[in-house]
């Protein structure tokens, strides 16, 4: 398996919370799935608890798992600050030993795409399958490859978003990318600017999973896909969908 290369981009957990403080649009989707599960839930690659904690506030029995020690430490602080009894586990998703089984396991917002090779993807899927209760569901959430994105070059640098930072002023995030077709990896360079000056950069590699490939990986890992959604509104998946959200059960 290819070693994880994503840990450096998650070292500053406090900045991660600032960067994604206003991102909430996935939460209703995963909240609905958790309500349907009627049992313990595991979020894989939970980060600082951005999705985990809102579900815990709703009374969901949820556990958060992440490989990054800084993210898990921040998640514990965030949970304690809100008085939420969430169990936090620092583990690699390719070899999970959570100590219990779950009615629902989910990995949100492209987190699986940090697994850059087939062996890593299958190890995660099999590890998650082993942690499911009978009748439990695994939900994976990755982007649907877009030719428009894959053909970009580093010269296509553009503004991605703006981060509000109170009295310290806003931060503009610019991005450039290029696709490594032989490896199926989309490489992003992120530039964080304040007052036109770059304050920090992030370099991100994400595996591109094509629709039929993803179905095959699930099948090879002992999973059966029972639903495919194309976005967080639960719309059916099509070739033009922005997302690939697969709901799987044990085959």
C-alpha atoms as a PDB file:
ATOM      1  CA  UNK A   1       0.000   0.000   0.000  1.00  0.00           C
ATOM      2  CA  UNK A   2       1.156   3.530  -0.745  1.00  0.00           C
ATOM      3  CA  UNK A   3       1.836   5.457   2.507  1.00  0.00           C
ATOM      4  CA  UNK A   4      -0.569   8.275   3.314  1.00  0.00           C
ATOM      5  CA  UNK A   5       0.791  11.650   2.216  1.00  0.00           C
ATOM      6  CA  UNK A   6      -2.086  13.786   3.492  1.00  0.00           C
ATOM      7  CA  UNK A   7      -1.051  14.256   7.137  1.00  0.00           C
ATOM      8  CA  UNK A   8       0.888  17.517   6.588  1.00  0.00           C
ATOM      9  CA  UNK A   9      -2.192  19.303   5.215  1.00  0.00           C
ATOM     10  CA  UNK A  10      -4.085  18.512   8.427  1.00  0.00           C
ATOM     11  CA  UNK A  11      -1.387  19.466  10.935  1.00  0.00           C
ATOM     12  CA  UNK A  12      -2.983  22.837  11.758  1.00  0.00           C
ATOM     13  CA  UNK A  13      -6.322  21.659  13.106  1.00  0.00           C
ATOM     14  CA  UNK A  14      -7.263  25.107  14.424  1.00  0.00           C
ATOM     15  CA  UNK A  15      -6.912  26.579  10.926  1.00  0.00           C
ATOM     16  CA  UNK A  16      -8.917  23.662   9.517  1.00  0.00           C
ATOM     17  CA  UNK A  17     -11.806  24.633  11.798  1.00  0.00           C
ATOM     18  CA  UNK A  18     -11.550  28.236  10.584  1.00  0.00           C
ATOM     19  CA  UNK A  19     -11.388  27.190   6.930  1.00  0.00           C
ATOM     20  CA  UNK A  20     -14.473  24.986   7.068  1.00  0.00           C
ATOM     21  CA  UNK A  21     -16.489  26.781   9.760  1.00  0.00           C
ATOM     22  CA  UNK A  22     -19.225  27.748   7.288  1.00  0.00           C
ATOM     23  CA  UNK A  23     -19.412  24.416   5.453  1.00  0.00           C
ATOM     24  CA  UNK A  24     -22.541  22.635   6.647  1.00  0.00           C
ATOM     25  CA  UNK A  25     -24.328  21.500   3.491  1.00  0.00           C
ATOM     26  CA  UNK A  26     -23.470  17.776   3.896  1.00  0.00           C
ATOM     27  CA  UNK A  27     -24.711  17.564   7.476  1.00  0.00           C
ATOM     28  CA  UNK A  28     -28.466  17.077   6.806  1.00  0.00           C
ATOM     29  CA  UNK A  29     -27.705  14.180   4.454  1.00  0.00           C
ATOM     30  CA  UNK A  30     -25.585  12.278   6.970  1.00  0.00           C
ATOM     31  CA  UNK A  31     -27.934  13.228   9.788  1.00  0.00           C
ATOM     32  CA  UNK A  32     -30.803  11.544   7.932  1.00  0.00           C
ATOM     33  CA  UNK A  33     -28.722   8.401   7.369  1.00  0.00           C
ATOM     34  CA  UNK A  34     -27.767   8.305  11.051  1.00  0.00           C
ATOM     35  CA  UNK A  35     -31.417   8.625  12.079  1.00  0.00           C
ATOM     36  CA  UNK A  36     -32.331   5.720   9.796  1.00  0.00           C
ATOM     37  CA  UNK A  37     -29.545   3.576  11.261  1.00  0.00           C
ATOM     38  CA  UNK A  38     -31.127   3.482  14.737  1.00  0.00           C
ATOM     39  CA  UNK A  39     -27.878   2.317  16.243  1.00  0.00           C
ATOM     40  CA  UNK A  40     -24.211   3.159  16.679  1.00  0.00           C
ATOM     41  CA  UNK A  41     -22.539   5.205  13.940  1.00  0.00           C
ATOM     42  CA  UNK A  42     -18.867   5.527  12.976  1.00  0.00           C
ATOM     43  CA  UNK A  43     -17.488   8.441  10.981  1.00  0.00           C
ATOM     44  CA  UNK A  44     -14.218   7.539   9.274  1.00  0.00           C
ATOM     45  CA  UNK A  45     -11.850  10.462   8.657  1.00  0.00           C
ATOM     46  CA  UNK A  46     -13.849  12.601  11.080  1.00  0.00           C
ATOM     47  CA  UNK A  47     -11.276  15.396  11.261  1.00  0.00           C
ATOM     48  CA  UNK A  48     -12.054  17.852  14.054  1.00  0.00           C
ATOM     49  CA  UNK A  49     -15.663  16.663  14.302  1.00  0.00           C
ATOM     50  CA  UNK A  50     -17.231  19.033  11.790  1.00  0.00           C
ATOM     51  CA  UNK A  51     -19.932  16.470  10.951  1.00  0.00           C
ATOM     52  CA  UNK A  52     -19.528  14.155  13.957  1.00  0.00           C
ATOM     53  CA  UNK A  53     -20.447  16.745  16.577  1.00  0.00           C
ATOM     54  CA  UNK A  54     -23.686  18.049  14.997  1.00  0.00           C
ATOM     55  CA  UNK A  55     -24.876  14.432  14.810  1.00  0.00           C
ATOM     56  CA  UNK A  56     -23.890  13.864  18.443  1.00  0.00           C
ATOM     57  CA  UNK A  57     -25.893  16.966  19.400  1.00  0.00           C
ATOM     58  CA  UNK A  58     -28.921  15.304  17.831  1.00  0.00           C
ATOM     59  CA  UNK A  59     -28.499  12.324  20.148  1.00  0.00           C
ATOM     60  CA  UNK A  60     -26.731   9.997  17.711  1.00  0.00           C
ATOM     61  CA  UNK A  61     -24.465   7.400  19.334  1.00  0.00           C
ATOM     62  CA  UNK A  62     -21.454   8.265  17.186  1.00  0.00           C
ATOM     63  CA  UNK A  63     -17.734   7.504  17.221  1.00  0.00           C
ATOM     64  CA  UNK A  64     -15.154   9.526  15.293  1.00  0.00           C
ATOM     65  CA  UNK A  65     -12.041   7.934  13.771  1.00  0.00           C
ATOM     66  CA  UNK A  66      -9.118   9.699  12.097  1.00  0.00           C
ATOM     67  CA  UNK A  67      -5.471   8.932  11.383  1.00  0.00           C
ATOM     68  CA  UNK A  68      -4.275  12.476  12.183  1.00  0.00           C
ATOM     69  CA  UNK A  69      -3.254  12.962  15.842  1.00  0.00           C
ATOM     70  CA  UNK A  70      -3.707  16.748  15.614  1.00  0.00           C
ATOM     71  CA  UNK A  71      -7.217  16.434  14.183  1.00  0.00           C
ATOM     72  CA  UNK A  72      -8.271  13.915  16.821  1.00  0.00           C
ATOM     73  CA  UNK A  73      -6.825  16.095  19.588  1.00  0.00           C
ATOM     74  CA  UNK A  74      -8.809  19.071  18.283  1.00  0.00           C
ATOM     75  CA  UNK A  75     -11.944  16.919  17.959  1.00  0.00           C
ATOM     76  CA  UNK A  76     -11.621  15.906  21.604  1.00  0.00           C
ATOM     77  CA  UNK A  77     -11.327  19.570  22.603  1.00  0.00           C
ATOM     78  CA  UNK A  78     -14.348  20.512  20.480  1.00  0.00           C
ATOM     79  CA  UNK A  79     -16.396  17.656  21.914  1.00  0.00           C
ATOM     80  CA  UNK A  80     -15.458  18.452  25.502  1.00  0.00           C
ATOM     81  CA  UNK A  81     -16.215  22.148  24.956  1.00  0.00           C
ATOM     82  CA  UNK A  82     -19.731  21.196  23.906  1.00  0.00           C
ATOM     83  CA  UNK A  83     -20.196  18.521  26.568  1.00  0.00           C
ATOM     84  CA  UNK A  84     -20.710  15.766  23.991  1.00  0.00           C
ATOM     85  CA  UNK A  85     -19.780  12.168  24.916  1.00  0.00           C
ATOM     86  CA  UNK A  86     -18.161  11.175  21.619  1.00  0.00           C
ATOM     87  CA  UNK A  87     -15.529   8.435  21.515  1.00  0.00           C
ATOM     88  CA  UNK A  88     -12.551   9.529  19.402  1.00  0.00           C
ATOM     89  CA  UNK A  89     -10.163   6.970  17.894  1.00  0.00           C
ATOM     90  CA  UNK A  90      -6.799   7.676  16.277  1.00  0.00           C
ATOM     91  CA  UNK A  91      -6.382   4.899  13.704  1.00  0.00           C
ATOM     92  CA  UNK A  92      -5.591   4.306  10.047  1.00  0.00           C
ATOM     93  CA  UNK A  93      -8.846   3.531   8.226  1.00  0.00           C
ATOM     94  CA  UNK A  94      -7.100   0.718   6.345  1.00  0.00           C
ATOM     95  CA  UNK A  95      -6.709  -1.250   9.557  1.00  0.00           C
ATOM     96  CA  UNK A  96      -9.524  -0.192  11.865  1.00  0.00           C
ATOM     97  CA  UNK A  97     -10.042  -1.834  15.249  1.00  0.00           C
ATOM     98  CA  UNK A  98     -12.775   0.346  16.753  1.00  0.00           C
ATOM     99  CA  UNK A  99     -13.678  -2.113  19.514  1.00  0.00           C
ATOM    100  CA  UNK A 100     -17.352  -2.386  18.551  1.00  0.00           C
ATOM    101  CA  UNK A 101     -19.548  -2.811  15.478  1.00  0.00           C
ATOM    102  CA  UNK A 102     -21.824  -0.228  13.873  1.00  0.00           C
ATOM    103  CA  UNK A 103     -25.158   0.066  12.105  1.00  0.00           C
ATOM    104  CA  UNK A 104     -23.759   2.854   9.938  1.00  0.00           C
ATOM    105  CA  UNK A 105     -20.212   3.687   8.890  1.00  0.00           C
ATOM    106  CA  UNK A 106     -19.603   6.681   6.656  1.00  0.00           C
ATOM    107  CA  UNK A 107     -16.650   8.507   5.145  1.00  0.00           C
ATOM    108  CA  UNK A 108     -17.658  11.966   3.949  1.00  0.00           C
ATOM    109  CA  UNK A 109     -16.455  14.713   1.647  1.00  0.00           C
ATOM    110  CA  UNK A 110     -13.900  12.908  -0.549  1.00  0.00           C
ATOM    111  CA  UNK A 111     -11.851  11.590   2.394  1.00  0.00           C
ATOM    112  CA  UNK A 112     -11.468   8.178   0.719  1.00  0.00           C
ATOM    113  CA  UNK A 113      -9.619   9.900  -2.123  1.00  0.00           C
ATOM    114  CA  UNK A 114      -6.585  10.337   0.113  1.00  0.00           C
ATOM    115  CA  UNK A 115      -6.126   6.575  -0.443  1.00  0.00           C
ATOM    116  CA  UNK A 116      -3.998   6.748  -3.557  1.00  0.00           C
ATOM    117  CA  UNK A 117      -3.822   3.096  -4.612  1.00  0.00           C
ATOM    118  CA  UNK A 118      -6.170   0.156  -5.111  1.00  0.00           C
ATOM    119  CA  UNK A 119      -4.686  -1.874  -2.254  1.00  0.00           C
ATOM    120  CA  UNK A 120      -5.346   0.970   0.197  1.00  0.00           C
ATOM    121  CA  UNK A 121      -8.915   1.449  -1.048  1.00  0.00           C
ATOM    122  CA  UNK A 122      -9.704  -2.259  -0.720  1.00  0.00           C
ATOM    123  CA  UNK A 123      -8.083  -2.430   2.712  1.00  0.00           C
ATOM    124  CA  UNK A 124     -10.349   0.393   3.902  1.00  0.00           C
ATOM    125  CA  UNK A 125     -13.482  -1.151   2.401  1.00  0.00           C
ATOM    126  CA  UNK A 126     -12.745  -4.556   3.918  1.00  0.00           C
ATOM    127  CA  UNK A 127     -11.874  -3.040   7.275  1.00  0.00           C
ATOM    128  CA  UNK A 128     -15.152  -1.099   7.282  1.00  0.00           C
ATOM    129  CA  UNK A 129     -17.102  -4.190   6.196  1.00  0.00           C
ATOM    130  CA  UNK A 130     -15.672  -6.102   9.170  1.00  0.00           C
ATOM    131  CA  UNK A 131     -16.889  -3.383  11.553  1.00  0.00           C
ATOM    132  CA  UNK A 132     -20.502  -3.439  10.300  1.00  0.00           C
ATOM    133  CA  UNK A 133     -23.273  -5.012  12.299  1.00  0.00           C
ATOM    134  CA  UNK A 134     -25.504  -7.490  10.429  1.00  0.00           C
ATOM    135  CA  UNK A 135     -27.673  -5.369   8.137  1.00  0.00           C
ATOM    136  CA  UNK A 136     -25.468  -2.325   8.665  1.00  0.00           C
ATOM    137  CA  UNK A 137     -24.554   0.116   5.889  1.00  0.00           C
ATOM    138  CA  UNK A 138     -21.320   1.667   4.695  1.00  0.00           C
ATOM    139  CA  UNK A 139     -21.535   5.034   2.913  1.00  0.00           C
ATOM    140  CA  UNK A 140     -18.639   6.328   0.829  1.00  0.00           C
ATOM    141  CA  UNK A 141     -18.596   9.814  -0.664  1.00  0.00           C
ATOM    142  CA  UNK A 142     -16.196  10.874  -3.438  1.00  0.00           C
ATOM    143  CA  UNK A 143     -16.407  13.320  -6.314  1.00  0.00           C
ATOM    144  CA  UNK A 144     -17.510  12.215  -9.760  1.00  0.00           C
ATOM    145  CA  UNK A 145     -14.615  12.821 -12.187  1.00  0.00           C
ATOM    146  CA  UNK A 146     -15.226  15.795 -14.434  1.00  0.00           C
ATOM    147  CA  UNK A 147     -13.334  16.169 -17.709  1.00  0.00           C
ATOM    148  CA  UNK A 148     -13.352  19.942 -17.178  1.00  0.00           C
ATOM    149  CA  UNK A 149     -11.345  19.510 -13.978  1.00  0.00           C
ATOM    150  CA  UNK A 150      -9.047  16.778 -15.270  1.00  0.00           C
ATOM    151  CA  UNK A 151      -7.803  18.795 -18.246  1.00  0.00           C
ATOM    152  CA  UNK A 152      -6.775  21.849 -16.209  1.00  0.00           C
ATOM    153  CA  UNK A 153      -3.096  22.802 -16.079  1.00  0.00           C
ATOM    154  CA  UNK A 154      -1.144  24.698 -13.394  1.00  0.00           C
ATOM    155  CA  UNK A 155      -1.577  27.800 -15.567  1.00  0.00           C
ATOM    156  CA  UNK A 156      -5.329  27.705 -14.820  1.00  0.00           C
ATOM    157  CA  UNK A 157      -4.837  29.072 -11.297  1.00  0.00           C
ATOM    158  CA  UNK A 158      -8.037  30.693 -10.040  1.00  0.00           C
ATOM    159  CA  UNK A 159      -9.854  31.799  -6.885  1.00  0.00           C
ATOM    160  CA  UNK A 160     -11.491  28.857  -5.143  1.00  0.00           C
ATOM    161  CA  UNK A 161     -13.103  30.548  -2.124  1.00  0.00           C
ATOM    162  CA  UNK A 162     -12.782  33.224   0.525  1.00  0.00           C
ATOM    163  CA  UNK A 163     -12.421  32.484   4.235  1.00  0.00           C
ATOM    164  CA  UNK A 164     -13.805  34.965   6.737  1.00  0.00           C
ATOM    165  CA  UNK A 165     -11.363  35.619   9.569  1.00  0.00           C
ATOM    166  CA  UNK A 166     -13.061  38.342  11.600  1.00  0.00           C
ATOM    167  CA  UNK A 167     -10.967  41.373  12.463  1.00  0.00           C
ATOM    168  CA  UNK A 168      -7.884  39.710  10.981  1.00  0.00           C
ATOM    169  CA  UNK A 169      -9.381  40.117   7.528  1.00  0.00           C
ATOM    170  CA  UNK A 170     -10.484  37.630   4.916  1.00  0.00           C
ATOM    171  CA  UNK A 171      -8.259  35.017   3.320  1.00  0.00           C
ATOM    172  CA  UNK A 172      -8.493  34.336  -0.406  1.00  0.00           C
ATOM    173  CA  UNK A 173      -7.778  30.774  -1.498  1.00  0.00           C
ATOM    174  CA  UNK A 174      -6.466  30.206  -4.999  1.00  0.00           C
ATOM    175  CA  UNK A 175      -6.003  26.788  -6.579  1.00  0.00           C
ATOM    176  CA  UNK A 176      -4.171  25.237  -9.481  1.00  0.00           C
ATOM    177  CA  UNK A 177      -4.289  21.579 -10.438  1.00  0.00           C
ATOM    178  CA  UNK A 178      -3.112  18.967 -12.877  1.00  0.00           C
ATOM    179  CA  UNK A 179      -4.089  15.355 -13.470  1.00  0.00           C
ATOM    180  CA  UNK A 180      -1.561  12.509 -13.436  1.00  0.00           C
ATOM    181  CA  UNK A 181      -3.382  10.127 -15.765  1.00  0.00           C
ATOM    182  CA  UNK A 182      -1.013   7.192 -15.301  1.00  0.00           C
ATOM    183  CA  UNK A 183      -1.641   7.199 -11.532  1.00  0.00           C
ATOM    184  CA  UNK A 184      -5.257   8.462 -11.592  1.00  0.00           C
ATOM    185  CA  UNK A 185      -4.207  11.195  -9.161  1.00  0.00           C
ATOM    186  CA  UNK A 186      -5.422  14.789  -9.262  1.00  0.00           C
ATOM    187  CA  UNK A 187      -2.827  17.095  -7.719  1.00  0.00           C
ATOM    188  CA  UNK A 188      -3.918  20.420  -6.204  1.00  0.00           C
ATOM    189  CA  UNK A 189      -1.793  23.352  -5.076  1.00  0.00           C
ATOM    190  CA  UNK A 190      -3.694  25.661  -2.713  1.00  0.00           C
ATOM    191  CA  UNK A 191      -2.480  29.203  -2.008  1.00  0.00           C
ATOM    192  CA  UNK A 192      -3.856  31.139   0.991  1.00  0.00           C
ATOM    193  CA  UNK A 193      -3.498  34.884   0.507  1.00  0.00           C
ATOM    194  CA  UNK A 194      -4.146  37.827   2.801  1.00  0.00           C
ATOM    195  CA  UNK A 195      -3.744  41.273   1.298  1.00  0.00           C
ATOM    196  CA  UNK A 196      -2.375  39.714  -1.855  1.00  0.00           C
ATOM    197  CA  UNK A 197       0.461  37.937  -0.002  1.00  0.00           C
ATOM    198  CA  UNK A 198       0.680  34.149   0.272  1.00  0.00           C
ATOM    199  CA  UNK A 199       0.549  33.160   3.953  1.00  0.00           C
ATOM    200  CA  UNK A 200       0.511  29.383   3.537  1.00  0.00           C
ATOM    201  CA  UNK A 201       0.265  26.691   0.874  1.00  0.00           C
ATOM    202  CA  UNK A 202      -1.109  23.180   0.773  1.00  0.00           C
ATOM    203  CA  UNK A 203      -0.257  20.454  -1.700  1.00  0.00           C
ATOM    204  CA  UNK A 204      -2.939  17.786  -2.048  1.00  0.00           C
ATOM    205  CA  UNK A 205      -3.047  14.507  -3.962  1.00  0.00           C
ATOM    206  CA  UNK A 206      -6.417  12.829  -4.470  1.00  0.00           C
ATOM    207  CA  UNK A 207      -7.114   9.524  -6.157  1.00  0.00           C
ATOM    208  CA  UNK A 208      -9.698   9.778  -8.924  1.00  0.00           C
ATOM    209  CA  UNK A 209     -12.209   6.928  -8.678  1.00  0.00           C
ATOM    210  CA  UNK A 210     -14.282   6.369 -11.787  1.00  0.00           C
ATOM    211  CA  UNK A 211     -17.877   5.108 -11.369  1.00  0.00           C
ATOM    212  CA  UNK A 212     -17.493   1.549 -12.665  1.00  0.00           C
ATOM    213  CA  UNK A 213     -14.134   1.206 -10.923  1.00  0.00           C
ATOM    214  CA  UNK A 214     -15.704   2.170  -7.599  1.00  0.00           C
ATOM    215  CA  UNK A 215     -18.487  -0.389  -8.031  1.00  0.00           C
ATOM    216  CA  UNK A 216     -15.886  -3.051  -8.804  1.00  0.00           C
ATOM    217  CA  UNK A 217     -13.802  -2.189  -5.730  1.00  0.00           C
ATOM    218  CA  UNK A 218     -16.864  -2.529  -3.514  1.00  0.00           C
ATOM    219  CA  UNK A 219     -17.702  -5.894  -5.051  1.00  0.00           C
ATOM    220  CA  UNK A 220     -14.137  -7.172  -4.663  1.00  0.00           C
ATOM    221  CA  UNK A 221     -14.244  -6.101  -1.003  1.00  0.00           C
ATOM    222  CA  UNK A 222     -17.373  -8.102  -0.205  1.00  0.00           C
ATOM    223  CA  UNK A 223     -19.831  -5.233  -0.439  1.00  0.00           C
ATOM    224  CA  UNK A 224     -23.027  -4.812  -2.425  1.00  0.00           C
ATOM    225  CA  UNK A 225     -24.064  -1.330  -3.542  1.00  0.00           C
ATOM    226  CA  UNK A 226     -27.786  -0.851  -2.894  1.00  0.00           C
ATOM    227  CA  UNK A 227     -28.090   2.872  -3.695  1.00  0.00           C
ATOM    228  CA  UNK A 228     -26.091   5.505  -5.544  1.00  0.00           C
ATOM    229  CA  UNK A 229     -26.702   9.202  -5.032  1.00  0.00           C
ATOM    230  CA  UNK A 230     -25.305  12.023  -7.114  1.00  0.00           C
ATOM    231  CA  UNK A 231     -25.351  14.718  -4.429  1.00  0.00           C
ATOM    232  CA  UNK A 232     -26.348  15.468  -0.845  1.00  0.00           C
ATOM    233  CA  UNK A 233     -29.977  15.966  -1.914  1.00  0.00           C
ATOM    234  CA  UNK A 234     -30.218  12.174  -2.445  1.00  0.00           C
ATOM    235  CA  UNK A 235     -30.747  12.635  -6.189  1.00  0.00           C
ATOM    236  CA  UNK A 236     -30.029   9.495  -8.262  1.00  0.00           C
ATOM    237  CA  UNK A 237     -26.484   9.217  -9.597  1.00  0.00           C
ATOM    238  CA  UNK A 238     -25.933  10.068 -13.261  1.00  0.00           C
ATOM    239  CA  UNK A 239     -22.842  10.659 -15.349  1.00  0.00           C
ATOM    240  CA  UNK A 240     -23.269  14.405 -14.809  1.00  0.00           C
ATOM    241  CA  UNK A 241     -23.615  14.224 -11.019  1.00  0.00           C
ATOM    242  CA  UNK A 242     -21.035  16.139  -8.979  1.00  0.00           C
ATOM    243  CA  UNK A 243     -20.752  13.362  -6.417  1.00  0.00           C
ATOM    244  CA  UNK A 244     -20.613   9.578  -6.147  1.00  0.00           C
ATOM    245  CA  UNK A 245     -22.252   8.581  -2.872  1.00  0.00           C
ATOM    246  CA  UNK A 246     -22.529   4.818  -2.539  1.00  0.00           C
ATOM    247  CA  UNK A 247     -24.599   3.068   0.100  1.00  0.00           C
ATOM    248  CA  UNK A 248     -23.284  -0.450   0.599  1.00  0.00           C
ATOM    249  CA  UNK A 249     -24.212  -3.552   2.592  1.00  0.00           C
ATOM    250  CA  UNK A 250     -22.348  -6.787   3.151  1.00  0.00           C
ATOM    251  CA  UNK A 251     -22.619  -8.982   0.061  1.00  0.00           C
END
